[in-house]
Amino acid sequence: MVPSLNALRWTGEPGHYEVYYLSATDRASGVGLWIRYTMLAPIGQEPPTCALWFMAMDPADPAANVGAKRTFPIDALHASAEPFELRIGDAVLTDRGMAGGFGDVRWDLEWEPGPGGYEHVAPVLQRARIAKTVLVLPHADLSVRGTVAFGGRELTLGGARGGQAHLWGTKHAARWAWLHASDLETPAGEACPGAFVDGVSVVVPRFGREVGPSTPVVSRIGDADLLATSPASVLTAPSRFTLTGWDFTATAGARRLVAEVSARREDLVGVTYHDPDGDLAYCYNTEVADLRLHVWERRRGAPGGWAFAQTLVAPGRAHFEYAQRTPVPGLELAVR
């Protein structure tokens, strides 16, 4: 358990936002879930707030997808670091689960925490405050049990695979793509327990122009971690993303990952993020995307020094997000 990665970073000052989220996909129903606990301390005279978000995607009936948010005064937020606990109103998040609800959505979920966490931003960049957003992954590969209720239905989860992340900062990127997948298997359907991949690719404004993409990726396959988070790895990783897909390559040590992510437009749930300075970002998220992940290993004598090792897939069970600074025409925003 790594409560330090989940500890609230806000010190009470303006100009800060912070987010905790669970993303998971239920194999039995095919439904994907995205539940967020957030806070925002604006720059200026507006008071800080906190919020609960609930999104659900059903690939069998995209018209029934759900996106909802409830905002609270900041005094509804209470946090402790060890043991980690975050409360917003009656909703709670710990290293072992989350429970809460508002309106007609509810969740009561639990999991066993993993042995360790992952950090996407190199410590040197965190200390220098170069990164305007820091992303960490306290729980990379979870088996989620419990119930969720939304849209007049109740869903019982018996081990939906997912991950729980925490991020904080002063400004969202200009554009980005994000991926998490921890329900990986071979193309023949053989499960790969313990395997996951999580990454983000960001384009940021610098000196009057856009710079990037910068692409940190963390992963574990078999008994080996891949941590493509050094400045050199992040800045040189090939990455191309759009509203409905992302292709990237991540290399660290003796392993290379080549990822192909694809999402159906109708499975995207659109939401609006608010920066502390009042700027808006428009995010389109799905927890039912497809992933093909090709694993390569450095091998002496192989062409170019790399040999293909295996392909892993997550059909309908990959978590993907695309965001930009203007709304996408023709895609309704479920949360504004």
C-alpha atoms as a PDB file:
ATOM      1  CA  MET A   1       0.000   0.000   0.000  1.00  0.00           C
ATOM      2  CA  VAL A   2       1.343   3.429  -0.920  1.00  0.00           C
ATOM      3  CA  PRO A   3      -0.716   6.083   0.906  1.00  0.00           C
ATOM      4  CA  SER A   4       1.947   8.727   0.249  1.00  0.00           C
ATOM      5  CA  LEU A   5       1.063   8.738  -3.463  1.00  0.00           C
ATOM      6  CA  ASN A   6      -2.582   9.403  -2.616  1.00  0.00           C
ATOM      7  CA  ALA A   7      -1.964  12.065   0.034  1.00  0.00           C
ATOM      8  CA  LEU A   8      -3.686  15.380  -0.731  1.00  0.00           C
ATOM      9  CA  ARG A   9      -1.182  17.939  -2.037  1.00  0.00           C
ATOM     10  CA  TRP A  10      -3.301  21.079  -1.714  1.00  0.00           C
ATOM     11  CA  THR A  11      -2.007  23.430   1.006  1.00  0.00           C
ATOM     12  CA  GLY A  12      -4.962  25.807   0.961  1.00  0.00           C
ATOM     13  CA  GLU A  13      -3.499  28.241  -1.579  1.00  0.00           C
ATOM     14  CA  PRO A  14      -5.283  29.397  -4.768  1.00  0.00           C
ATOM     15  CA  GLY A  15      -4.140  28.238  -8.205  1.00  0.00           C
ATOM     16  CA  HIS A  16      -4.384  24.473  -7.628  1.00  0.00           C
ATOM     17  CA  TYR A  17      -6.480  21.550  -8.813  1.00  0.00           C
ATOM     18  CA  GLU A  18      -6.418  17.934  -7.676  1.00  0.00           C
ATOM     19  CA  VAL A  19      -8.084  14.778  -8.965  1.00  0.00           C
ATOM     20  CA  TYR A  20      -8.508  11.190  -7.794  1.00  0.00           C
ATOM     21  CA  TYR A  21     -10.139   8.707 -10.127  1.00  0.00           C
ATOM     22  CA  LEU A  22     -10.970   5.056 -10.583  1.00  0.00           C
ATOM     23  CA  SER A  23     -11.334   3.624 -14.083  1.00  0.00           C
ATOM     24  CA  ALA A  24     -12.575   0.042 -14.475  1.00  0.00           C
ATOM     25  CA  THR A  25     -14.354  -2.228 -16.947  1.00  0.00           C
ATOM     26  CA  ASP A  26     -16.709  -5.070 -16.017  1.00  0.00           C
ATOM     27  CA  ARG A  27     -16.172  -8.090 -18.264  1.00  0.00           C
ATOM     28  CA  ALA A  28     -19.569  -9.621 -17.513  1.00  0.00           C
ATOM     29  CA  SER A  29     -21.628  -6.641 -18.678  1.00  0.00           C
ATOM     30  CA  GLY A  30     -19.054  -4.823 -20.811  1.00  0.00           C
ATOM     31  CA  VAL A  31     -19.791  -1.593 -18.890  1.00  0.00           C
ATOM     32  CA  GLY A  32     -16.949   0.836 -18.190  1.00  0.00           C
ATOM     33  CA  LEU A  33     -16.827   3.109 -15.128  1.00  0.00           C
ATOM     34  CA  TRP A  34     -15.013   6.366 -14.406  1.00  0.00           C
ATOM     35  CA  ILE A  35     -15.493   7.829 -10.911  1.00  0.00           C
ATOM     36  CA  ARG A  36     -13.719  11.036  -9.828  1.00  0.00           C
ATOM     37  CA  TYR A  37     -13.184  12.964  -6.587  1.00  0.00           C
ATOM     38  CA  THR A  38     -11.839  16.454  -7.335  1.00  0.00           C
ATOM     39  CA  MET A  39     -11.056  19.875  -5.908  1.00  0.00           C
ATOM     40  CA  LEU A  40     -10.396  23.251  -7.523  1.00  0.00           C
ATOM     41  CA  ALA A  41      -8.884  26.376  -5.941  1.00  0.00           C
ATOM     42  CA  PRO A  42      -9.314  29.164  -8.520  1.00  0.00           C
ATOM     43  CA  ILE A  43      -7.039  32.141  -8.947  1.00  0.00           C
ATOM     44  CA  GLY A  44      -8.904  35.291  -7.938  1.00  0.00           C
ATOM     45  CA  GLN A  45     -11.957  35.891  -5.805  1.00  0.00           C
ATOM     46  CA  GLU A  46     -13.956  32.719  -6.465  1.00  0.00           C
ATOM     47  CA  PRO A  47     -14.006  30.297  -3.509  1.00  0.00           C
ATOM     48  CA  PRO A  48     -12.489  26.812  -3.833  1.00  0.00           C
ATOM     49  CA  THR A  49     -14.833  23.885  -4.431  1.00  0.00           C
ATOM     50  CA  CYS A  50     -14.787  20.101  -4.473  1.00  0.00           C
ATOM     51  CA  ALA A  51     -16.822  17.698  -6.583  1.00  0.00           C
ATOM     52  CA  LEU A  52     -17.924  14.134  -7.224  1.00  0.00           C
ATOM     53  CA  TRP A  53     -18.165  12.818 -10.792  1.00  0.00           C
ATOM     54  CA  PHE A  54     -19.708   9.579 -12.106  1.00  0.00           C
ATOM     55  CA  MET A  55     -19.522   8.325 -15.686  1.00  0.00           C
ATOM     56  CA  ALA A  56     -20.603   4.973 -17.136  1.00  0.00           C
ATOM     57  CA  MET A  57     -20.299   3.659 -20.690  1.00  0.00           C
ATOM     58  CA  ASP A  58     -22.264   0.705 -22.074  1.00  0.00           C
ATOM     59  CA  PRO A  59     -20.990  -0.314 -25.534  1.00  0.00           C
ATOM     60  CA  ALA A  60     -24.167  -2.335 -26.099  1.00  0.00           C
ATOM     61  CA  ASP A  61     -26.289   0.817 -25.671  1.00  0.00           C
ATOM     62  CA  PRO A  62     -24.214   4.009 -26.007  1.00  0.00           C
ATOM     63  CA  ALA A  63     -27.375   6.129 -25.877  1.00  0.00           C
ATOM     64  CA  ALA A  64     -27.683   5.085 -22.227  1.00  0.00           C
ATOM     65  CA  ASN A  65     -24.192   6.334 -21.270  1.00  0.00           C
ATOM     66  CA  VAL A  66     -24.180   8.405 -18.086  1.00  0.00           C
ATOM     67  CA  GLY A  67     -22.229  11.496 -17.111  1.00  0.00           C
ATOM     68  CA  ALA A  68     -22.995  13.391 -13.893  1.00  0.00           C
ATOM     69  CA  LYS A  69     -21.294  15.759 -11.440  1.00  0.00           C
ATOM     70  CA  ARG A  70     -22.150  17.290  -8.070  1.00  0.00           C
ATOM     71  CA  THR A  71     -20.195  20.299  -6.759  1.00  0.00           C
ATOM     72  CA  PHE A  72     -19.789  21.125  -3.049  1.00  0.00           C
ATOM     73  CA  PRO A  73     -18.264  23.949  -1.001  1.00  0.00           C
ATOM     74  CA  ILE A  74     -14.657  23.218  -0.071  1.00  0.00           C
ATOM     75  CA  ASP A  75     -15.544  22.650   3.578  1.00  0.00           C
ATOM     76  CA  ALA A  76     -17.158  19.371   2.457  1.00  0.00           C
ATOM     77  CA  LEU A  77     -13.658  18.035   1.726  1.00  0.00           C
ATOM     78  CA  HIS A  78     -11.695  16.287   4.483  1.00  0.00           C
ATOM     79  CA  ALA A  79      -8.444  14.367   4.022  1.00  0.00           C
ATOM     80  CA  SER A  80      -5.911  12.430   6.054  1.00  0.00           C
ATOM     81  CA  ALA A  81      -2.593  11.085   4.762  1.00  0.00           C
ATOM     82  CA  GLU A  82      -1.862   7.969   6.844  1.00  0.00           C
ATOM     83  CA  PRO A  83      -3.932   5.977   6.608  1.00  0.00           C
ATOM     84  CA  PHE A  84      -5.106   7.748   3.483  1.00  0.00           C
ATOM     85  CA  GLU A  85      -8.731   8.836   3.459  1.00  0.00           C
ATOM     86  CA  LEU A  86     -10.487  11.488   1.384  1.00  0.00           C
ATOM     87  CA  ARG A  87     -14.075  12.533   2.022  1.00  0.00           C
ATOM     88  CA  ILE A  88     -16.326  14.806  -0.007  1.00  0.00           C
ATOM     89  CA  GLY A  89     -19.628  15.095   1.779  1.00  0.00           C
ATOM     90  CA  ASP A  90     -20.740  11.535   2.521  1.00  0.00           C
ATOM     91  CA  ALA A  91     -18.499  10.009  -0.164  1.00  0.00           C
ATOM     92  CA  VAL A  92     -15.207   8.394   0.855  1.00  0.00           C
ATOM     93  CA  LEU A  93     -12.088   7.185  -0.947  1.00  0.00           C
ATOM     94  CA  THR A  94      -9.351   5.091   0.695  1.00  0.00           C
ATOM     95  CA  ASP A  95      -6.559   2.809  -0.464  1.00  0.00           C
ATOM     96  CA  ARG A  96      -9.035  -0.073  -0.200  1.00  0.00           C
ATOM     97  CA  GLY A  97     -12.133   1.267  -1.906  1.00  0.00           C
ATOM     98  CA  MET A  98     -14.658   4.037  -2.458  1.00  0.00           C
ATOM     99  CA  ALA A  99     -18.303   4.602  -1.595  1.00  0.00           C
ATOM    100  CA  GLY A 100     -20.695   7.449  -2.210  1.00  0.00           C
ATOM    101  CA  GLY A 101     -23.228   8.903  -4.555  1.00  0.00           C
ATOM    102  CA  PHE A 102     -25.509  11.790  -5.468  1.00  0.00           C
ATOM    103  CA  GLY A 103     -28.727  12.128  -7.390  1.00  0.00           C
ATOM    104  CA  ASP A 104     -29.537   8.748  -8.906  1.00  0.00           C
ATOM    105  CA  VAL A 105     -25.956   7.422  -9.033  1.00  0.00           C
ATOM    106  CA  ARG A 106     -24.306   5.377  -6.259  1.00  0.00           C
ATOM    107  CA  TRP A 107     -21.140   3.339  -5.806  1.00  0.00           C
ATOM    108  CA  ASP A 108     -19.906   0.998  -3.075  1.00  0.00           C
ATOM    109  CA  LEU A 109     -16.643  -0.577  -4.229  1.00  0.00           C
ATOM    110  CA  GLU A 110     -13.670  -2.292  -2.603  1.00  0.00           C
ATOM    111  CA  TRP A 111     -10.319  -3.711  -3.660  1.00  0.00           C
ATOM    112  CA  GLU A 112      -7.057  -5.082  -2.292  1.00  0.00           C
ATOM    113  CA  PRO A 113      -4.236  -2.539  -2.743  1.00  0.00           C
ATOM    114  CA  GLY A 114      -1.255  -3.502  -4.872  1.00  0.00           C
ATOM    115  CA  PRO A 115       2.341  -3.827  -3.681  1.00  0.00           C
ATOM    116  CA  GLY A 116       3.549  -0.477  -4.994  1.00  0.00           C
ATOM    117  CA  GLY A 117       2.782   2.598  -7.041  1.00  0.00           C
ATOM    118  CA  TYR A 118       4.149   4.340 -10.118  1.00  0.00           C
ATOM    119  CA  GLU A 119       5.058   7.940 -10.946  1.00  0.00           C
ATOM    120  CA  HIS A 120       4.866   9.322 -14.483  1.00  0.00           C
ATOM    121  CA  VAL A 121       6.772  12.554 -13.833  1.00  0.00           C
ATOM    122  CA  ALA A 122      10.478  12.213 -13.053  1.00  0.00           C
ATOM    123  CA  PRO A 123      11.354  13.413  -9.524  1.00  0.00           C
ATOM    124  CA  VAL A 124      13.762  16.027 -10.903  1.00  0.00           C
ATOM    125  CA  LEU A 125      10.917  17.612 -12.893  1.00  0.00           C
ATOM    126  CA  GLN A 126       8.629  17.532  -9.863  1.00  0.00           C
ATOM    127  CA  ARG A 127      11.202  19.237  -7.657  1.00  0.00           C
ATOM    128  CA  ALA A 128      11.880  21.890 -10.295  1.00  0.00           C
ATOM    129  CA  ARG A 129       8.112  22.414 -10.763  1.00  0.00           C
ATOM    130  CA  ILE A 130       8.559  22.219 -14.522  1.00  0.00           C
ATOM    131  CA  ALA A 131       5.530  19.955 -14.897  1.00  0.00           C
ATOM    132  CA  LYS A 132       2.291  21.899 -14.434  1.00  0.00           C
ATOM    133  CA  THR A 133       0.477  18.600 -13.746  1.00  0.00           C
ATOM    134  CA  VAL A 134       1.853  15.600 -11.868  1.00  0.00           C
ATOM    135  CA  LEU A 135       0.307  12.151 -12.414  1.00  0.00           C
ATOM    136  CA  VAL A 136       0.857   9.179 -10.102  1.00  0.00           C
ATOM    137  CA  LEU A 137      -0.673   5.703 -10.096  1.00  0.00           C
ATOM    138  CA  PRO A 138      -1.088   4.475  -6.504  1.00  0.00           C
ATOM    139  CA  HIS A 139      -2.924   1.315  -7.587  1.00  0.00           C
ATOM    140  CA  ALA A 140      -2.074   0.136 -11.076  1.00  0.00           C
ATOM    141  CA  ASP A 141      -3.911  -3.178 -11.282  1.00  0.00           C
ATOM    142  CA  LEU A 142      -7.073  -3.598  -9.236  1.00  0.00           C
ATOM    143  CA  SER A 143      -9.784  -6.228  -8.990  1.00  0.00           C
ATOM    144  CA  VAL A 144     -12.844  -4.169  -8.077  1.00  0.00           C
ATOM    145  CA  ARG A 145     -15.812  -5.696  -6.238  1.00  0.00           C
ATOM    146  CA  GLY A 146     -19.101  -4.180  -5.155  1.00  0.00           C
ATOM    147  CA  THR A 147     -22.079  -2.403  -6.672  1.00  0.00           C
ATOM    148  CA  VAL A 148     -22.827   0.681  -8.742  1.00  0.00           C
ATOM    149  CA  ALA A 149     -26.238   2.135  -9.556  1.00  0.00           C
ATOM    150  CA  PHE A 150     -26.980   4.494 -12.453  1.00  0.00           C
ATOM    151  CA  GLY A 151     -29.653   5.122 -15.054  1.00  0.00           C
ATOM    152  CA  GLY A 152     -32.212   3.014 -13.180  1.00  0.00           C
ATOM    153  CA  ARG A 153     -30.012  -0.093 -13.083  1.00  0.00           C
ATOM    154  CA  GLU A 154     -27.764  -1.705 -10.489  1.00  0.00           C
ATOM    155  CA  LEU A 155     -24.587  -3.498 -11.507  1.00  0.00           C
ATOM    156  CA  THR A 156     -22.703  -5.967  -9.302  1.00  0.00           C
ATOM    157  CA  LEU A 157     -18.981  -6.145  -9.973  1.00  0.00           C
ATOM    158  CA  GLY A 158     -17.220  -9.417  -9.204  1.00  0.00           C
ATOM    159  CA  GLY A 159     -13.660  -8.427 -10.030  1.00  0.00           C
ATOM    160  CA  ALA A 160     -13.740  -5.699 -12.679  1.00  0.00           C
ATOM    161  CA  ARG A 161     -10.188  -4.772 -13.638  1.00  0.00           C
ATOM    162  CA  GLY A 162      -9.017  -1.203 -13.320  1.00  0.00           C
ATOM    163  CA  GLY A 163      -6.650   1.287 -11.763  1.00  0.00           C
ATOM    164  CA  GLN A 164      -6.775   4.207  -9.344  1.00  0.00           C
ATOM    165  CA  ALA A 165      -4.810   7.371 -10.111  1.00  0.00           C
ATOM    166  CA  HIS A 166      -4.094  10.738  -8.490  1.00  0.00           C
ATOM    167  CA  LEU A 167      -3.035  13.949 -10.204  1.00  0.00           C
ATOM    168  CA  TRP A 168      -2.558  17.555  -9.179  1.00  0.00           C
ATOM    169  CA  GLY A 169      -1.223  20.770 -10.608  1.00  0.00           C
ATOM    170  CA  THR A 170      -1.808  24.335 -11.703  1.00  0.00           C
ATOM    171  CA  LYS A 171      -2.774  23.946 -15.381  1.00  0.00           C
ATOM    172  CA  HIS A 172      -3.992  21.254 -17.753  1.00  0.00           C
ATOM    173  CA  ALA A 173      -2.124  20.696 -21.002  1.00  0.00           C
ATOM    174  CA  ALA A 174      -3.264  22.176 -24.306  1.00  0.00           C
ATOM    175  CA  ARG A 175      -4.002  18.702 -25.702  1.00  0.00           C
ATOM    176  CA  TRP A 176      -3.482  15.187 -24.410  1.00  0.00           C
ATOM    177  CA  ALA A 177      -4.269  11.504 -24.692  1.00  0.00           C
ATOM    178  CA  TRP A 178      -4.306   8.997 -21.823  1.00  0.00           C
ATOM    179  CA  LEU A 179      -4.447   5.200 -21.594  1.00  0.00           C
ATOM    180  CA  HIS A 180      -4.881   2.642 -18.851  1.00  0.00           C
ATOM    181  CA  ALA A 181      -5.362  -1.091 -19.337  1.00  0.00           C
ATOM    182  CA  SER A 182      -4.991  -3.832 -16.738  1.00  0.00           C
ATOM    183  CA  ASP A 183      -7.210  -6.583 -18.144  1.00  0.00           C
ATOM    184  CA  LEU A 184      -4.780  -7.813 -20.783  1.00  0.00           C
ATOM    185  CA  GLU A 185      -4.742 -11.170 -22.542  1.00  0.00           C
ATOM    186  CA  THR A 186      -3.122 -12.856 -25.523  1.00  0.00           C
ATOM    187  CA  PRO A 187      -4.981 -12.792 -28.863  1.00  0.00           C
ATOM    188  CA  ALA A 188      -5.927 -16.417 -28.115  1.00  0.00           C
ATOM    189  CA  GLY A 189      -7.628 -15.339 -24.882  1.00  0.00           C
ATOM    190  CA  GLU A 190      -5.008 -16.432 -22.348  1.00  0.00           C
ATOM    191  CA  ALA A 191      -5.067 -14.113 -19.330  1.00  0.00           C
ATOM    192  CA  CYS A 192      -1.967 -12.151 -18.321  1.00  0.00           C
ATOM    193  CA  PRO A 193      -2.414 -11.595 -14.569  1.00  0.00           C
ATOM    194  CA  GLY A 194      -0.570  -8.615 -13.142  1.00  0.00           C
ATOM    195  CA  ALA A 195       0.029  -6.989 -16.525  1.00  0.00           C
ATOM    196  CA  PHE A 196      -0.901  -3.353 -17.066  1.00  0.00           C
ATOM    197  CA  VAL A 197       0.043  -0.276 -19.068  1.00  0.00           C
ATOM    198  CA  ASP A 198      -0.650   3.359 -18.178  1.00  0.00           C
ATOM    199  CA  GLY A 199       0.536   6.434 -20.037  1.00  0.00           C
ATOM    200  CA  VAL A 200      -0.217   9.968 -21.105  1.00  0.00           C
ATOM    201  CA  SER A 201       0.921  12.113 -24.019  1.00  0.00           C
ATOM    202  CA  VAL A 202       0.717  15.886 -23.619  1.00  0.00           C
ATOM    203  CA  VAL A 203       1.181  18.949 -25.791  1.00  0.00           C
ATOM    204  CA  VAL A 204       1.825  22.113 -23.757  1.00  0.00           C
ATOM    205  CA  PRO A 205       2.196  25.816 -24.600  1.00  0.00           C
ATOM    206  CA  ARG A 206       5.730  27.153 -24.228  1.00  0.00           C
ATOM    207  CA  PHE A 207       7.058  30.531 -25.378  1.00  0.00           C
ATOM    208  CA  GLY A 208       4.080  31.221 -27.628  1.00  0.00           C
ATOM    209  CA  ARG A 209       3.990  27.842 -29.360  1.00  0.00           C
ATOM    210  CA  GLU A 210       2.940  24.271 -28.626  1.00  0.00           C
ATOM    211  CA  VAL A 211       5.630  21.822 -27.515  1.00  0.00           C
ATOM    212  CA  GLY A 212       5.336  18.044 -27.558  1.00  0.00           C
ATOM    213  CA  PRO A 213       4.016  15.513 -27.415  1.00  0.00           C
ATOM    214  CA  SER A 214       5.785  14.410 -24.237  1.00  0.00           C
ATOM    215  CA  THR A 215       4.865  10.827 -23.421  1.00  0.00           C
ATOM    216  CA  PRO A 216       5.587   9.142 -20.063  1.00  0.00           C
ATOM    217  CA  VAL A 217       4.519   5.487 -19.862  1.00  0.00           C
ATOM    218  CA  VAL A 218       4.633   2.965 -17.016  1.00  0.00           C
ATOM    219  CA  SER A 219       3.900  -0.727 -17.430  1.00  0.00           C
ATOM    220  CA  ARG A 220       4.390  -4.170 -15.962  1.00  0.00           C
ATOM    221  CA  ILE A 221       4.340  -7.341 -18.063  1.00  0.00           C
ATOM    222  CA  GLY A 222       5.347 -10.664 -16.593  1.00  0.00           C
ATOM    223  CA  ASP A 223       7.631  -9.876 -13.705  1.00  0.00           C
ATOM    224  CA  ALA A 224       9.289  -6.794 -15.224  1.00  0.00           C
ATOM    225  CA  ASP A 225       8.421  -3.111 -14.988  1.00  0.00           C
ATOM    226  CA  LEU A 226       8.883  -0.723 -17.904  1.00  0.00           C
ATOM    227  CA  LEU A 227       9.356   2.840 -16.683  1.00  0.00           C
ATOM    228  CA  ALA A 228       9.655   5.112 -19.707  1.00  0.00           C
ATOM    229  CA  THR A 229       9.635   8.273 -17.590  1.00  0.00           C
ATOM    230  CA  SER A 230      13.125   9.738 -17.930  1.00  0.00           C
ATOM    231  CA  PRO A 231      13.260  13.104 -19.726  1.00  0.00           C
ATOM    232  CA  ALA A 232      14.971  11.467 -22.717  1.00  0.00           C
ATOM    233  CA  SER A 233      12.335   8.712 -22.968  1.00  0.00           C
ATOM    234  CA  VAL A 234       9.444  11.125 -22.563  1.00  0.00           C
ATOM    235  CA  LEU A 235      10.654  13.634 -25.147  1.00  0.00           C
ATOM    236  CA  THR A 236      11.667  11.152 -27.868  1.00  0.00           C
ATOM    237  CA  ALA A 237       8.799   8.643 -27.733  1.00  0.00           C
ATOM    238  CA  PRO A 238       6.840   8.533 -31.010  1.00  0.00           C
ATOM    239  CA  SER A 239       3.210   9.469 -30.316  1.00  0.00           C
ATOM    240  CA  ARG A 240       0.223  10.370 -32.494  1.00  0.00           C
ATOM    241  CA  PHE A 241      -3.270  10.782 -31.065  1.00  0.00           C
ATOM    242  CA  THR A 242      -6.716  11.859 -32.229  1.00  0.00           C
ATOM    243  CA  LEU A 243     -10.226  11.917 -30.794  1.00  0.00           C
ATOM    244  CA  THR A 244     -10.653   8.177 -31.374  1.00  0.00           C
ATOM    245  CA  GLY A 245      -7.184   6.696 -31.176  1.00  0.00           C
ATOM    246  CA  TRP A 246      -3.582   6.813 -30.069  1.00  0.00           C
ATOM    247  CA  ASP A 247      -0.474   5.111 -31.422  1.00  0.00           C
ATOM    248  CA  PHE A 248       2.721   5.348 -29.382  1.00  0.00           C
ATOM    249  CA  THR A 249       6.027   3.647 -28.698  1.00  0.00           C
ATOM    250  CA  ALA A 250       7.620   3.509 -25.237  1.00  0.00           C
ATOM    251  CA  THR A 251      11.159   2.258 -24.653  1.00  0.00           C
ATOM    252  CA  ALA A 252      13.055   1.679 -21.426  1.00  0.00           C
ATOM    253  CA  GLY A 253      15.975  -0.658 -20.809  1.00  0.00           C
ATOM    254  CA  ALA A 254      15.599  -3.935 -22.679  1.00  0.00           C
ATOM    255  CA  ARG A 255      11.883  -3.614 -23.453  1.00  0.00           C
ATOM    256  CA  ARG A 256       9.824  -1.651 -25.977  1.00  0.00           C
ATOM    257  CA  LEU A 257       6.043  -1.312 -26.208  1.00  0.00           C
ATOM    258  CA  VAL A 258       4.187  -0.380 -29.376  1.00  0.00           C
ATOM    259  CA  ALA A 259       0.569   0.466 -28.599  1.00  0.00           C
ATOM    260  CA  GLU A 260      -2.469   0.843 -30.857  1.00  0.00           C
ATOM    261  CA  VAL A 261      -5.540   2.297 -29.103  1.00  0.00           C
ATOM    262  CA  SER A 262      -8.881   2.740 -30.833  1.00  0.00           C
ATOM    263  CA  ALA A 263     -12.238   3.992 -29.556  1.00  0.00           C
ATOM    264  CA  ARG A 264     -15.685   4.338 -31.063  1.00  0.00           C
ATOM    265  CA  ARG A 265     -16.953   7.894 -31.191  1.00  0.00           C
ATOM    266  CA  GLU A 266     -20.311   6.870 -29.721  1.00  0.00           C
ATOM    267  CA  ASP A 267     -18.601   5.427 -26.621  1.00  0.00           C
ATOM    268  CA  LEU A 268     -17.001   8.745 -25.634  1.00  0.00           C
ATOM    269  CA  VAL A 269     -18.434  10.702 -22.706  1.00  0.00           C
ATOM    270  CA  GLY A 270     -17.600  14.405 -22.923  1.00  0.00           C
ATOM    271  CA  VAL A 271     -16.864  16.537 -19.845  1.00  0.00           C
ATOM    272  CA  THR A 272     -15.441  19.997 -19.183  1.00  0.00           C
ATOM    273  CA  TYR A 273     -12.446  20.656 -16.934  1.00  0.00           C
ATOM    274  CA  HIS A 274     -11.824  24.066 -15.350  1.00  0.00           C
ATOM    275  CA  ASP A 275      -8.278  25.315 -14.808  1.00  0.00           C
ATOM    276  CA  PRO A 276      -7.533  27.438 -11.729  1.00  0.00           C
ATOM    277  CA  ASP A 277      -7.129  30.456 -14.030  1.00  0.00           C
ATOM    278  CA  GLY A 278     -10.606  29.919 -15.512  1.00  0.00           C
ATOM    279  CA  ASP A 279      -9.582  28.359 -18.842  1.00  0.00           C
ATOM    280  CA  LEU A 280     -11.549  25.327 -20.035  1.00  0.00           C
ATOM    281  CA  ALA A 281     -10.423  21.963 -21.365  1.00  0.00           C
ATOM    282  CA  TYR A 282     -12.789  19.586 -23.139  1.00  0.00           C
ATOM    283  CA  CYS A 283     -12.235  15.922 -22.360  1.00  0.00           C
ATOM    284  CA  TYR A 284     -13.697  12.883 -24.138  1.00  0.00           C
ATOM    285  CA  ASN A 285     -13.319   9.646 -22.201  1.00  0.00           C
ATOM    286  CA  THR A 286     -14.240   6.002 -22.590  1.00  0.00           C
ATOM    287  CA  GLU A 287     -13.482   2.922 -20.499  1.00  0.00           C
ATOM    288  CA  VAL A 288     -14.478   0.520 -23.301  1.00  0.00           C
ATOM    289  CA  ALA A 289     -11.802   1.196 -25.929  1.00  0.00           C
ATOM    290  CA  ASP A 290      -9.664  -1.431 -27.700  1.00  0.00           C
ATOM    291  CA  LEU A 291      -5.918  -1.925 -27.243  1.00  0.00           C
ATOM    292  CA  ARG A 292      -3.297  -3.943 -29.086  1.00  0.00           C
ATOM    293  CA  LEU A 293       0.056  -3.871 -27.306  1.00  0.00           C
ATOM    294  CA  HIS A 294       3.114  -5.266 -29.076  1.00  0.00           C
ATOM    295  CA  VAL A 295       6.024  -6.171 -26.822  1.00  0.00           C
ATOM    296  CA  TRP A 296       9.597  -6.105 -28.137  1.00  0.00           C
ATOM    297  CA  GLU A 297      12.801  -7.104 -26.355  1.00  0.00           C
ATOM    298  CA  ARG A 298      16.354  -6.004 -26.940  1.00  0.00           C
ATOM    299  CA  ARG A 299      18.227  -9.012 -28.323  1.00  0.00           C
ATOM    300  CA  ARG A 300      21.734  -9.327 -29.678  1.00  0.00           C
ATOM    301  CA  GLY A 301      21.767 -10.371 -33.317  1.00  0.00           C
ATOM    302  CA  ALA A 302      18.150  -9.354 -33.964  1.00  0.00           C
ATOM    303  CA  PRO A 303      17.506  -6.881 -36.807  1.00  0.00           C
ATOM    304  CA  GLY A 304      17.988  -3.415 -35.366  1.00  0.00           C
ATOM    305  CA  GLY A 305      18.709  -5.009 -31.999  1.00  0.00           C
ATOM    306  CA  TRP A 306      15.036  -5.668 -31.232  1.00  0.00           C
ATOM    307  CA  ALA A 307      13.066  -8.934 -31.411  1.00  0.00           C
ATOM    308  CA  PHE A 308       9.289  -9.263 -31.261  1.00  0.00           C
ATOM    309  CA  ALA A 309       8.185 -11.040 -28.065  1.00  0.00           C
ATOM    310  CA  GLN A 310       4.369 -11.055 -27.919  1.00  0.00           C
ATOM    311  CA  THR A 311       1.141  -9.177 -28.523  1.00  0.00           C
ATOM    312  CA  LEU A 312      -1.379  -8.480 -25.767  1.00  0.00           C
ATOM    313  CA  VAL A 313      -4.910  -7.188 -26.272  1.00  0.00           C
ATOM    314  CA  ALA A 314      -7.718  -5.607 -24.256  1.00  0.00           C
ATOM    315  CA  PRO A 315     -10.798  -5.648 -26.512  1.00  0.00           C
ATOM    316  CA  GLY A 316     -13.410  -3.288 -25.082  1.00  0.00           C
ATOM    317  CA  ARG A 317     -11.491  -3.061 -21.796  1.00  0.00           C
ATOM    318  CA  ALA A 318      -8.956  -0.289 -22.393  1.00  0.00           C
ATOM    319  CA  HIS A 319      -9.426   3.154 -20.830  1.00  0.00           C
ATOM    320  CA  PHE A 320      -8.779   6.082 -23.154  1.00  0.00           C
ATOM    321  CA  GLU A 321      -9.152   9.835 -22.972  1.00  0.00           C
ATOM    322  CA  TYR A 322      -8.633  12.623 -25.479  1.00  0.00           C
ATOM    323  CA  ALA A 323      -8.732  16.335 -24.609  1.00  0.00           C
ATOM    324  CA  GLN A 324      -8.270  19.713 -26.278  1.00  0.00           C
ATOM    325  CA  ARG A 325      -9.033  23.374 -25.596  1.00  0.00           C
ATOM    326  CA  THR A 326     -12.133  23.643 -27.786  1.00  0.00           C
ATOM    327  CA  PRO A 327     -15.236  21.440 -27.834  1.00  0.00           C
ATOM    328  CA  VAL A 328     -15.482  18.751 -30.513  1.00  0.00           C
ATOM    329  CA  PRO A 329     -18.334  19.613 -32.904  1.00  0.00           C
ATOM    330  CA  GLY A 330     -21.196  17.145 -32.805  1.00  0.00           C
ATOM    331  CA  LEU A 331     -20.264  15.533 -29.478  1.00  0.00           C
ATOM    332  CA  GLU A 332     -22.532  16.495 -26.604  1.00  0.00           C
ATOM    333  CA  LEU A 333     -20.949  17.306 -23.251  1.00  0.00           C
ATOM    334  CA  ALA A 334     -22.464  15.267 -20.415  1.00  0.00           C
ATOM    335  CA  VAL A 335     -20.776  17.450 -17.773  1.00  0.00           C
ATOM    336  CA  ARG A 336     -20.100  21.158 -18.355  1.00  0.00           C
END
